[in-house]
N, C-alpha and C. Protein backbone atom coordinates (compact mmCIF):
# COMPACT_ATOMS: atom_id res chain seq x y z
N MET A 1 16.02 129.05 -103.94
CA MET A 1 17.07 129.60 -104.89
C MET A 1 17.09 128.60 -106.07
N LYS A 2 17.21 129.17 -107.29
CA LYS A 2 17.27 128.43 -108.45
C LYS A 2 18.59 127.52 -108.55
N ILE A 3 18.42 126.27 -108.91
CA ILE A 3 19.56 125.42 -109.06
C ILE A 3 19.89 125.42 -110.62
N TYR A 4 21.10 125.74 -110.86
CA TYR A 4 21.54 125.70 -112.29
C TYR A 4 22.07 124.38 -112.76
N GLU A 5 21.96 124.09 -114.03
CA GLU A 5 22.53 122.82 -114.52
C GLU A 5 24.00 122.71 -114.31
N HIS A 6 24.73 123.78 -114.47
CA HIS A 6 26.20 123.75 -114.19
C HIS A 6 26.61 123.33 -112.83
N ALA A 7 25.65 123.73 -111.84
CA ALA A 7 26.02 123.37 -110.41
C ALA A 7 25.90 121.81 -110.33
N ARG A 8 24.90 121.21 -110.91
CA ARG A 8 24.73 119.78 -110.90
C ARG A 8 25.95 119.08 -111.56
N GLN A 9 26.41 119.67 -112.71
CA GLN A 9 27.52 119.09 -113.38
C GLN A 9 28.83 119.20 -112.51
N LEU A 10 28.99 120.34 -111.83
CA LEU A 10 30.13 120.47 -110.92
C LEU A 10 30.05 119.47 -109.72
N GLU A 11 28.86 119.21 -109.24
CA GLU A 11 28.71 118.29 -108.15
C GLU A 11 29.19 116.89 -108.68
N THR A 12 28.72 116.48 -109.90
CA THR A 12 29.09 115.15 -110.35
C THR A 12 30.61 115.11 -110.56
N HIS A 13 31.22 116.13 -111.08
CA HIS A 13 32.67 116.09 -111.29
C HIS A 13 33.46 116.12 -109.94
N ILE A 14 32.96 116.84 -108.93
CA ILE A 14 33.56 116.90 -107.64
C ILE A 14 33.54 115.52 -106.97
N LYS A 15 32.33 114.89 -107.07
CA LYS A 15 32.25 113.56 -106.43
C LYS A 15 33.03 112.49 -107.16
N LYS A 16 33.03 112.55 -108.51
CA LYS A 16 33.72 111.58 -109.32
C LYS A 16 35.24 111.72 -109.08
N GLU A 17 35.75 112.86 -108.91
CA GLU A 17 37.23 113.10 -108.71
C GLU A 17 37.57 113.15 -107.18
N ASN A 18 36.65 113.04 -106.33
CA ASN A 18 36.87 113.09 -104.88
C ASN A 18 37.56 114.34 -104.51
N LEU A 19 37.08 115.49 -104.95
CA LEU A 19 37.67 116.75 -104.61
C LEU A 19 37.06 117.32 -103.29
N THR A 20 38.00 117.80 -102.43
CA THR A 20 37.50 118.11 -101.11
C THR A 20 37.84 119.65 -100.77
N ARG A 21 38.65 120.35 -101.54
CA ARG A 21 39.00 121.69 -101.21
C ARG A 21 38.96 122.54 -102.50
N GLY A 22 38.10 123.54 -102.47
CA GLY A 22 37.93 124.33 -103.76
C GLY A 22 37.62 125.76 -103.49
N ALA A 23 37.52 126.51 -104.61
CA ALA A 23 37.10 127.84 -104.58
C ALA A 23 36.20 128.20 -105.69
N GLU A 24 35.09 128.96 -105.35
CA GLU A 24 34.34 129.56 -106.40
C GLU A 24 34.65 131.00 -106.48
N VAL A 25 35.09 131.49 -107.62
CA VAL A 25 35.45 132.83 -107.78
C VAL A 25 34.31 133.50 -108.54
N GLY A 26 33.54 134.36 -107.89
CA GLY A 26 32.31 134.98 -108.31
C GLY A 26 31.10 134.27 -107.75
N VAL A 27 30.65 134.68 -106.62
CA VAL A 27 29.55 134.02 -105.82
C VAL A 27 28.25 134.66 -106.09
N LEU A 28 28.21 136.00 -106.05
CA LEU A 28 26.98 136.83 -106.20
C LEU A 28 25.99 136.44 -105.21
N ARG A 29 24.91 135.71 -105.56
CA ARG A 29 23.85 135.26 -104.67
C ARG A 29 24.18 133.96 -103.92
N GLY A 30 25.07 133.29 -104.36
CA GLY A 30 25.43 132.00 -103.66
C GLY A 30 24.73 130.77 -104.11
N ALA A 31 24.06 130.82 -105.25
CA ALA A 31 23.31 129.63 -105.71
C ALA A 31 24.11 128.39 -105.95
N THR A 32 25.19 128.52 -106.68
CA THR A 32 26.13 127.46 -106.98
C THR A 32 26.91 127.05 -105.72
N TYR A 33 27.44 128.19 -105.00
CA TYR A 33 28.16 127.93 -103.77
C TYR A 33 27.48 127.03 -102.77
N PHE A 34 26.30 127.39 -102.44
CA PHE A 34 25.54 126.68 -101.38
C PHE A 34 25.00 125.33 -101.93
N TYR A 35 24.72 125.23 -103.15
CA TYR A 35 24.33 123.92 -103.76
C TYR A 35 25.47 122.99 -103.51
N LEU A 36 26.71 123.34 -103.89
CA LEU A 36 27.84 122.49 -103.78
C LEU A 36 28.12 122.09 -102.32
N LEU A 37 28.01 123.07 -101.39
CA LEU A 37 28.26 122.72 -100.03
C LEU A 37 27.15 121.73 -99.49
N ASP A 38 25.88 121.93 -99.93
CA ASP A 38 24.90 121.00 -99.51
C ASP A 38 25.09 119.64 -100.11
N ALA A 39 25.41 119.54 -101.40
CA ALA A 39 25.45 118.25 -102.16
C ALA A 39 26.71 117.53 -101.88
N CYS A 40 27.78 118.17 -101.42
CA CYS A 40 29.02 117.50 -101.23
C CYS A 40 29.50 117.80 -99.77
N PRO A 41 29.10 116.93 -98.83
CA PRO A 41 29.33 117.26 -97.35
C PRO A 41 30.77 117.17 -96.93
N GLY A 42 31.62 116.62 -97.77
CA GLY A 42 33.09 116.60 -97.41
C GLY A 42 33.87 117.80 -98.08
N LEU A 43 33.19 118.74 -98.62
CA LEU A 43 33.78 119.85 -99.38
C LEU A 43 33.99 121.05 -98.46
N THR A 44 35.20 121.63 -98.53
CA THR A 44 35.48 122.92 -97.93
C THR A 44 35.61 123.82 -99.14
N LEU A 45 34.87 124.94 -99.16
CA LEU A 45 34.79 125.87 -100.37
C LEU A 45 35.02 127.30 -99.91
N TYR A 46 35.95 127.86 -100.62
CA TYR A 46 36.18 129.34 -100.55
C TYR A 46 35.17 129.96 -101.44
N GLY A 47 34.55 131.02 -101.05
CA GLY A 47 33.60 131.78 -101.85
C GLY A 47 34.20 133.22 -101.97
N VAL A 48 34.51 133.58 -103.27
CA VAL A 48 35.24 134.84 -103.49
C VAL A 48 34.30 135.77 -104.27
N ASP A 49 34.09 136.95 -103.84
CA ASP A 49 33.40 138.01 -104.54
C ASP A 49 33.71 139.39 -103.95
N GLN A 50 33.64 140.40 -104.72
CA GLN A 50 33.85 141.77 -104.18
C GLN A 50 32.51 142.41 -103.87
N TRP A 51 31.42 141.86 -104.36
CA TRP A 51 30.07 142.35 -104.01
C TRP A 51 30.05 143.88 -104.14
N LYS A 52 30.47 144.40 -105.36
CA LYS A 52 30.36 145.80 -105.54
C LYS A 52 30.00 146.02 -107.03
N ALA A 53 29.14 146.96 -107.25
CA ALA A 53 28.83 147.41 -108.55
C ALA A 53 30.03 147.95 -109.28
N LEU A 54 30.14 147.63 -110.53
CA LEU A 54 31.26 148.17 -111.34
C LEU A 54 30.81 149.22 -112.30
N PRO A 55 31.79 150.02 -112.69
CA PRO A 55 31.40 151.04 -113.70
C PRO A 55 30.83 150.47 -115.01
N LYS A 56 29.88 151.09 -115.51
CA LYS A 56 29.34 150.59 -116.79
C LYS A 56 30.41 150.54 -117.85
N SER A 57 30.46 149.56 -118.66
CA SER A 57 31.49 149.41 -119.68
C SER A 57 30.88 148.74 -120.89
N LYS A 58 31.48 149.10 -122.05
CA LYS A 58 30.96 148.44 -123.28
C LYS A 58 31.87 147.33 -123.72
N ALA A 59 32.82 146.92 -122.80
CA ALA A 59 33.66 145.86 -123.18
C ALA A 59 32.83 144.50 -123.23
N PRO A 60 33.11 143.72 -124.19
CA PRO A 60 32.30 142.46 -124.31
C PRO A 60 32.47 141.60 -123.00
N GLY A 61 31.39 141.23 -122.52
CA GLY A 61 31.32 140.33 -121.29
C GLY A 61 31.27 141.11 -119.99
N ALA A 62 31.28 142.48 -120.08
CA ALA A 62 31.24 143.34 -118.93
C ALA A 62 29.81 143.38 -118.38
N TYR A 63 29.68 143.31 -117.13
CA TYR A 63 28.47 143.47 -116.31
C TYR A 63 28.77 144.50 -115.29
N SER A 64 27.82 145.43 -114.98
CA SER A 64 28.01 146.38 -113.99
C SER A 64 27.34 145.97 -112.67
N TYR A 65 26.42 145.06 -112.65
CA TYR A 65 25.79 144.57 -111.49
C TYR A 65 25.04 145.66 -110.70
N ASP A 66 24.81 146.79 -111.37
CA ASP A 66 24.14 147.88 -110.67
C ASP A 66 22.63 147.67 -110.37
N GLN A 67 22.11 146.56 -110.90
CA GLN A 67 20.71 146.24 -110.67
C GLN A 67 20.62 145.53 -109.30
N TYR A 68 21.74 145.13 -108.71
CA TYR A 68 21.68 144.41 -107.46
C TYR A 68 22.05 145.33 -106.29
N ASP A 69 21.47 144.93 -105.09
CA ASP A 69 22.00 145.55 -103.89
C ASP A 69 23.07 144.69 -103.39
N MET A 70 24.31 145.06 -103.77
CA MET A 70 25.43 144.18 -103.57
C MET A 70 25.75 144.03 -102.04
N GLY A 71 25.54 145.12 -101.27
CA GLY A 71 25.70 145.01 -99.79
C GLY A 71 24.82 143.95 -99.22
N LEU A 72 23.50 144.02 -99.61
CA LEU A 72 22.55 142.99 -99.12
C LEU A 72 22.96 141.55 -99.49
N LEU A 73 23.33 141.38 -100.73
CA LEU A 73 23.74 140.09 -101.22
C LEU A 73 24.97 139.60 -100.41
N GLN A 74 25.95 140.33 -100.20
CA GLN A 74 27.19 140.04 -99.45
C GLN A 74 26.71 139.61 -98.01
N GLU A 75 25.79 140.39 -97.40
CA GLU A 75 25.39 140.06 -96.07
C GLU A 75 24.64 138.78 -96.01
N GLN A 76 23.74 138.54 -97.00
CA GLN A 76 22.92 137.28 -97.01
C GLN A 76 23.90 136.10 -97.16
N VAL A 77 24.84 136.19 -98.09
CA VAL A 77 25.74 135.00 -98.32
C VAL A 77 26.58 134.80 -97.09
N THR A 78 27.16 135.89 -96.51
CA THR A 78 28.05 135.72 -95.36
C THR A 78 27.24 135.15 -94.20
N MET A 79 26.07 135.53 -94.06
CA MET A 79 25.25 135.04 -92.87
C MET A 79 24.87 133.55 -93.10
N ARG A 80 24.49 133.19 -94.27
CA ARG A 80 24.12 131.86 -94.61
C ARG A 80 25.35 130.88 -94.48
N ALA A 81 26.49 131.42 -94.85
CA ALA A 81 27.76 130.61 -94.77
C ALA A 81 28.06 130.17 -93.32
N LEU A 82 27.62 130.98 -92.36
CA LEU A 82 27.89 130.62 -90.96
C LEU A 82 27.41 129.25 -90.63
N ALA A 83 26.31 128.76 -91.17
CA ALA A 83 25.75 127.54 -90.81
C ALA A 83 26.62 126.31 -91.23
N TYR A 84 27.58 126.57 -92.16
CA TYR A 84 28.47 125.54 -92.68
C TYR A 84 29.84 125.41 -91.86
N GLY A 85 30.06 126.28 -90.94
CA GLY A 85 31.24 126.34 -90.13
C GLY A 85 32.41 126.56 -90.98
N GLU A 86 33.47 125.80 -90.68
CA GLU A 86 34.77 125.90 -91.44
C GLU A 86 34.76 125.54 -92.86
N ARG A 87 33.68 124.78 -93.26
CA ARG A 87 33.54 124.33 -94.60
C ARG A 87 33.27 125.50 -95.63
N ALA A 88 32.69 126.57 -95.17
CA ALA A 88 32.34 127.76 -95.99
C ALA A 88 33.30 128.91 -95.53
N ARG A 89 34.07 129.35 -96.51
CA ARG A 89 35.05 130.41 -96.24
C ARG A 89 34.82 131.59 -97.22
N ILE A 90 34.22 132.60 -96.79
CA ILE A 90 33.89 133.76 -97.61
C ILE A 90 35.05 134.73 -97.54
N MET A 91 35.47 135.12 -98.84
CA MET A 91 36.55 136.07 -98.93
C MET A 91 36.06 137.30 -99.86
N VAL A 92 36.08 138.45 -99.26
CA VAL A 92 35.50 139.67 -99.89
C VAL A 92 36.70 140.48 -100.47
N GLY A 93 36.53 140.78 -101.78
CA GLY A 93 37.58 141.60 -102.32
C GLY A 93 37.80 141.28 -103.81
N ASP A 94 38.65 141.98 -104.49
CA ASP A 94 38.93 141.75 -105.90
C ASP A 94 39.58 140.36 -105.99
N SER A 95 39.04 139.59 -106.90
CA SER A 95 39.46 138.13 -106.99
C SER A 95 40.94 137.94 -107.17
N VAL A 96 41.62 138.79 -107.97
CA VAL A 96 43.05 138.53 -108.24
C VAL A 96 43.81 138.90 -106.95
N ARG A 97 43.39 139.92 -106.17
CA ARG A 97 44.12 140.22 -104.99
C ARG A 97 43.80 139.23 -103.87
N VAL A 98 42.62 138.77 -103.79
CA VAL A 98 42.27 137.72 -102.81
C VAL A 98 43.05 136.44 -103.05
N ALA A 99 43.33 136.09 -104.19
CA ALA A 99 44.08 134.91 -104.52
C ALA A 99 45.35 134.79 -103.74
N ASN A 100 45.99 135.99 -103.46
CA ASN A 100 47.23 136.07 -102.71
C ASN A 100 47.17 135.49 -101.28
N ALA A 101 45.99 135.40 -100.79
CA ALA A 101 45.78 134.87 -99.40
C ALA A 101 45.69 133.40 -99.37
N ILE A 102 45.74 132.72 -100.56
CA ILE A 102 45.47 131.28 -100.63
C ILE A 102 46.91 130.68 -100.97
N LYS A 103 47.32 129.64 -100.27
CA LYS A 103 48.58 129.05 -100.52
C LYS A 103 48.56 128.31 -101.95
N ASN A 104 49.65 128.41 -102.65
CA ASN A 104 49.78 127.77 -103.95
C ASN A 104 49.63 126.23 -103.77
N ARG A 105 49.07 125.57 -104.70
CA ARG A 105 48.92 124.15 -104.78
C ARG A 105 48.14 123.55 -103.57
N SER A 106 47.24 124.39 -102.99
CA SER A 106 46.48 124.03 -101.80
C SER A 106 45.07 123.51 -102.10
N LEU A 107 44.57 123.77 -103.33
CA LEU A 107 43.22 123.53 -103.70
C LEU A 107 43.07 122.41 -104.68
N ASP A 108 41.98 121.59 -104.63
CA ASP A 108 41.77 120.52 -105.60
C ASP A 108 41.12 121.16 -106.85
N PHE A 109 40.39 122.22 -106.68
CA PHE A 109 39.87 122.98 -107.89
C PHE A 109 39.51 124.31 -107.60
N VAL A 110 39.43 125.13 -108.74
CA VAL A 110 38.94 126.51 -108.71
C VAL A 110 37.90 126.58 -109.86
N PHE A 111 36.73 127.16 -109.55
CA PHE A 111 35.71 127.42 -110.52
C PHE A 111 35.52 128.94 -110.67
N ILE A 112 35.88 129.41 -111.86
CA ILE A 112 35.84 130.83 -112.16
C ILE A 112 34.54 131.24 -112.87
N ASP A 113 33.85 132.16 -112.18
CA ASP A 113 32.57 132.68 -112.71
C ASP A 113 32.37 134.16 -112.25
N ALA A 114 33.38 134.98 -112.45
CA ALA A 114 33.39 136.36 -111.97
C ALA A 114 33.32 137.26 -113.16
N ASP A 115 34.30 138.08 -113.31
CA ASP A 115 34.36 139.08 -114.45
C ASP A 115 34.53 138.33 -115.75
N HIS A 116 33.51 138.51 -116.67
CA HIS A 116 33.43 137.74 -117.86
C HIS A 116 34.09 138.50 -119.09
N THR A 117 34.84 139.54 -118.81
CA THR A 117 35.58 140.18 -119.90
C THR A 117 36.92 139.33 -120.10
N TYR A 118 37.45 139.60 -121.34
CA TYR A 118 38.70 138.81 -121.67
C TYR A 118 39.81 139.11 -120.48
N GLU A 119 39.96 140.33 -120.18
CA GLU A 119 40.97 140.70 -119.21
C GLU A 119 40.68 140.09 -117.83
N GLY A 120 39.33 140.10 -117.44
CA GLY A 120 38.84 139.48 -116.21
C GLY A 120 39.18 138.00 -116.11
N VAL A 121 38.83 137.30 -117.12
CA VAL A 121 39.05 135.81 -117.13
C VAL A 121 40.46 135.48 -117.23
N THR A 122 41.29 136.14 -117.97
CA THR A 122 42.72 135.84 -118.04
C THR A 122 43.37 136.25 -116.70
N GLY A 123 42.97 137.30 -116.14
CA GLY A 123 43.49 137.77 -114.82
C GLY A 123 43.15 136.62 -113.68
N ASP A 124 41.92 136.16 -113.67
CA ASP A 124 41.52 135.16 -112.70
C ASP A 124 42.24 133.87 -112.90
N ILE A 125 42.38 133.50 -114.18
CA ILE A 125 43.12 132.22 -114.44
C ILE A 125 44.56 132.37 -113.97
N GLY A 126 45.22 133.49 -114.31
CA GLY A 126 46.59 133.70 -113.87
C GLY A 126 46.76 133.75 -112.39
N ALA A 127 45.79 134.26 -111.65
CA ALA A 127 45.88 134.41 -110.24
C ALA A 127 45.49 133.13 -109.56
N TRP A 128 44.58 132.39 -110.08
CA TRP A 128 44.04 131.19 -109.33
C TRP A 128 44.60 129.84 -109.84
N ALA A 129 45.13 129.70 -111.03
CA ALA A 129 45.65 128.41 -111.47
C ALA A 129 46.76 127.96 -110.52
N PRO A 130 47.69 128.84 -110.05
CA PRO A 130 48.77 128.34 -109.13
C PRO A 130 48.17 127.76 -107.81
N LYS A 131 46.94 128.05 -107.49
CA LYS A 131 46.45 127.64 -106.23
C LYS A 131 45.95 126.18 -106.32
N VAL A 132 45.93 125.61 -107.50
CA VAL A 132 45.40 124.25 -107.68
C VAL A 132 46.59 123.33 -107.70
N ARG A 133 46.43 122.17 -106.97
CA ARG A 133 47.50 121.21 -106.82
C ARG A 133 47.63 120.42 -108.16
N PRO A 134 48.76 119.78 -108.36
CA PRO A 134 48.88 118.95 -109.53
C PRO A 134 47.86 117.84 -109.43
N GLY A 135 47.21 117.56 -110.47
CA GLY A 135 46.06 116.56 -110.57
C GLY A 135 44.78 117.16 -110.26
N GLY A 136 44.76 118.53 -109.87
CA GLY A 136 43.49 119.14 -109.68
C GLY A 136 42.94 119.78 -110.93
N TRP A 137 41.97 120.70 -110.77
CA TRP A 137 41.24 121.25 -111.97
C TRP A 137 41.08 122.77 -111.84
N ILE A 138 41.35 123.42 -112.96
CA ILE A 138 40.90 124.87 -113.08
C ILE A 138 39.67 124.80 -113.96
N MET A 139 38.60 125.38 -113.53
CA MET A 139 37.38 125.26 -114.34
C MET A 139 36.69 126.63 -114.37
N GLY A 140 35.72 126.82 -115.15
CA GLY A 140 34.97 128.05 -115.21
C GLY A 140 33.67 127.93 -115.89
N HIS A 141 32.88 129.01 -115.86
CA HIS A 141 31.52 128.99 -116.45
C HIS A 141 31.57 129.90 -117.70
N ASP A 142 30.52 129.72 -118.52
CA ASP A 142 30.17 130.45 -119.65
C ASP A 142 31.17 130.39 -120.74
N ILE A 143 31.59 129.24 -120.99
CA ILE A 143 32.54 129.10 -122.27
C ILE A 143 31.85 129.47 -123.54
N THR A 144 30.59 129.47 -123.54
CA THR A 144 29.82 129.75 -124.79
C THR A 144 29.82 131.30 -125.04
N LYS A 145 30.31 132.16 -124.08
CA LYS A 145 30.37 133.59 -124.27
C LYS A 145 31.69 133.95 -124.86
N GLY A 146 31.72 134.70 -125.91
CA GLY A 146 32.86 135.01 -126.65
C GLY A 146 34.09 135.46 -125.89
N PRO A 147 33.99 136.42 -125.00
CA PRO A 147 35.16 136.88 -124.28
C PRO A 147 35.75 135.77 -123.35
N VAL A 148 34.89 134.93 -122.82
CA VAL A 148 35.38 133.88 -121.94
C VAL A 148 36.07 132.82 -122.80
N ARG A 149 35.45 132.51 -123.86
CA ARG A 149 36.10 131.41 -124.78
C ARG A 149 37.49 131.89 -125.31
N ARG A 150 37.51 133.23 -125.69
CA ARG A 150 38.80 133.79 -126.18
C ARG A 150 39.92 133.76 -125.13
N ALA A 151 39.44 134.07 -123.90
CA ALA A 151 40.44 134.17 -122.85
C ALA A 151 40.97 132.75 -122.48
N VAL A 152 40.04 131.79 -122.36
CA VAL A 152 40.45 130.38 -122.05
C VAL A 152 41.32 129.89 -123.15
N ARG A 153 41.03 130.08 -124.44
CA ARG A 153 41.91 129.67 -125.51
C ARG A 153 43.24 130.39 -125.52
N SER A 154 43.31 131.58 -125.06
CA SER A 154 44.52 132.31 -125.10
C SER A 154 45.54 131.79 -123.99
N VAL A 155 45.02 131.21 -122.95
CA VAL A 155 45.81 130.72 -121.85
C VAL A 155 46.11 129.22 -122.02
N PHE A 156 45.13 128.43 -122.40
CA PHE A 156 45.31 127.06 -122.47
C PHE A 156 45.25 126.52 -123.88
N GLU A 157 46.20 125.77 -124.25
CA GLU A 157 46.21 125.23 -125.60
C GLU A 157 45.00 124.22 -125.78
N ASN A 158 44.69 123.47 -124.73
CA ASN A 158 43.58 122.47 -124.81
C ASN A 158 42.75 122.71 -123.57
N TYR A 159 41.51 122.56 -123.71
CA TYR A 159 40.56 122.57 -122.59
C TYR A 159 39.41 121.65 -122.91
N MET A 160 38.76 121.18 -121.87
CA MET A 160 37.61 120.29 -122.10
C MET A 160 36.31 121.12 -121.67
N THR A 161 35.22 120.61 -122.15
CA THR A 161 33.96 121.17 -121.71
C THR A 161 33.05 120.06 -121.24
N LEU A 162 32.15 120.53 -120.28
CA LEU A 162 31.07 119.61 -119.98
C LEU A 162 29.88 120.07 -120.76
N PRO A 163 28.86 119.29 -121.03
CA PRO A 163 27.77 119.67 -121.83
C PRO A 163 27.16 120.99 -121.26
N GLY A 164 27.04 121.99 -122.08
CA GLY A 164 26.58 123.21 -121.63
C GLY A 164 27.65 124.34 -121.60
N THR A 165 27.93 124.74 -120.42
CA THR A 165 28.72 126.04 -120.37
C THR A 165 29.98 125.97 -119.51
N ILE A 166 30.40 124.74 -119.07
CA ILE A 166 31.59 124.65 -118.24
C ILE A 166 32.77 124.27 -119.02
N TRP A 167 33.92 125.02 -118.83
CA TRP A 167 35.26 124.63 -119.35
C TRP A 167 36.11 124.04 -118.24
N MET A 168 37.02 123.27 -118.50
CA MET A 168 37.95 122.68 -117.46
C MET A 168 39.24 122.24 -117.98
N VAL A 169 40.30 122.38 -117.17
CA VAL A 169 41.66 121.98 -117.51
C VAL A 169 42.24 121.26 -116.36
N PRO A 170 42.76 120.10 -116.57
CA PRO A 170 43.50 119.39 -115.51
C PRO A 170 44.82 120.10 -115.25
N GLN A 171 45.24 120.12 -114.00
CA GLN A 171 46.54 120.72 -113.71
C GLN A 171 47.62 119.63 -113.49
């Protein structure tokens, strides 16, 4: 599986900040998810995805994922996660709804990489930011994409970026 630069940057940040409980919102094939579990042995990580193709849309940042066999991807990720025991917690469903199952202020970080539309990013930030403890981090991918950048700017007055595509805000 291809390892992306953003996964390495997340690993560095997780280790530097000694983060041990997090969530990745938008897992798809699990490249970042499993990289982090392998690289950070003390990490417990929720993996959230609905693994379903979406209606085609012309909205900026919208992906339909119709080129993927989503059922197969869900099965592969779920089966691979079993090897990590309680450290890997797969949650299937709409990311905003799934957030309701997580206790507020219980996570060290959330990494958002799901729906890249303005509405999708703002919805995920609104649902997942309360799950992060004070001193933790809300983070996401693809800040270089217009809808993601607009959404992050509309919610947070200030945010930081790591070189490349990661945005982050301390809580």
